Amino acid sequence: MSEFEAILPLKVEGIVEQLIEKRKMPLQNALEYLYSSQLYALLEDEKTKIWHYSPQMLLHLLDEEKNTGKLRLPQ
């Protein structure tokens, strides 16, 4: 198993846990919120390297995408 294959589920779990705790989202809604995003599509692609970001940063990027309709990655 590659490092990426091991880390991706942990990143997803970290984001979903924050959505549940901070936004009081039910699990199913939190999963849909994440999985329906451009951020998740990029997160699934190991080459983008956004899986290096913390769950907090990923949640911030996800919220920005959902609020503006655009995903802006830090330079």
Protein backbone atom coordinates (compact mmCIF):
# COMPACT_ATOMS: atom_id res chain seq x y z
CA MET A 1 0.00 0.00 0.00
CA SER A 2 1.36 3.42 -0.93
CA GLU A 3 1.56 6.34 1.46
CA PHE A 4 -1.22 8.02 -0.53
CA GLU A 5 -3.55 5.00 -0.25
CA ALA A 6 -2.99 4.99 3.51
CA ILE A 7 -3.45 8.74 3.99
CA LEU A 8 -6.48 9.46 1.78
CA PRO A 9 -9.05 7.75 4.09
CA LEU A 10 -7.53 9.57 7.08
CA LYS A 11 -7.84 12.94 5.32
CA VAL A 12 -11.46 12.22 4.39
CA GLU A 13 -12.18 11.14 7.97
CA GLY A 14 -10.58 14.32 9.34
CA ILE A 15 -12.67 16.59 7.11
CA VAL A 16 -15.89 14.69 7.76
CA GLU A 17 -15.29 14.71 11.53
CA GLN A 18 -14.90 18.49 11.44
CA LEU A 19 -18.10 18.90 9.43
CA ILE A 20 -19.96 16.78 11.98
CA GLU A 21 -18.46 18.52 15.03
CA LYS A 22 -18.30 22.14 13.85
CA ARG A 23 -21.31 22.28 11.55
CA LYS A 24 -23.43 19.67 13.31
CA MET A 25 -23.95 17.90 9.96
CA PRO A 26 -25.24 14.35 9.99
CA LEU A 27 -22.67 11.86 8.67
CA GLN A 28 -24.47 11.32 5.36
CA ASN A 29 -24.70 15.08 4.69
CA ALA A 30 -21.03 15.58 5.56
CA LEU A 31 -20.01 12.81 3.17
CA GLU A 32 -22.18 14.24 0.38
CA TYR A 33 -20.83 17.75 1.03
CA LEU A 34 -17.27 16.50 0.59
CA TYR A 35 -17.78 13.93 -2.17
CA SER A 36 -19.71 16.38 -4.38
CA SER A 37 -16.82 18.86 -4.42
CA GLN A 38 -14.05 19.64 -6.84
CA LEU A 39 -11.72 19.52 -3.85
CA TYR A 40 -12.50 15.83 -3.33
CA ALA A 41 -11.87 15.11 -7.01
CA LEU A 42 -8.43 16.69 -6.66
CA LEU A 43 -7.82 15.01 -3.33
CA GLU A 44 -8.35 11.62 -4.97
CA ASP A 45 -5.59 12.41 -7.48
CA GLU A 46 -2.27 11.69 -5.82
CA LYS A 47 -0.44 13.93 -8.31
CA THR A 48 -2.16 17.11 -7.04
CA LYS A 49 -0.41 16.71 -3.68
CA ILE A 50 -3.25 18.50 -1.87
CA TRP A 51 -3.43 15.51 0.45
CA HIS A 52 -0.39 17.09 2.13
CA TYR A 53 -2.65 19.83 3.55
CA SER A 54 -4.06 19.49 7.03
CA PRO A 55 -7.72 18.53 7.46
CA GLN A 56 -8.33 22.08 8.75
CA MET A 57 -6.86 23.61 5.58
CA LEU A 58 -8.79 21.17 3.41
CA LEU A 59 -12.02 22.11 5.20
CA HIS A 60 -11.27 25.80 4.66
CA LEU A 61 -10.70 25.19 0.94
CA LEU A 62 -13.85 23.08 0.75
CA ASP A 63 -15.95 25.78 2.41
CA GLU A 64 -14.51 28.43 0.12
CA GLU A 65 -15.35 26.27 -2.90
CA LYS A 66 -18.92 25.69 -1.69
CA ASN A 67 -19.44 29.39 -0.87
CA THR A 68 -17.92 30.87 -4.04
CA GLY A 69 -18.27 28.05 -6.55
CA LYS A 70 -14.51 28.21 -7.16
CA LEU A 71 -11.69 26.18 -5.70
CA ARG A 72 -8.59 28.27 -5.07
CA LEU A 73 -5.54 26.34 -3.94
CA PRO A 74 -2.73 28.09 -2.03
CA GLN A 75 0.34 28.78 -4.13
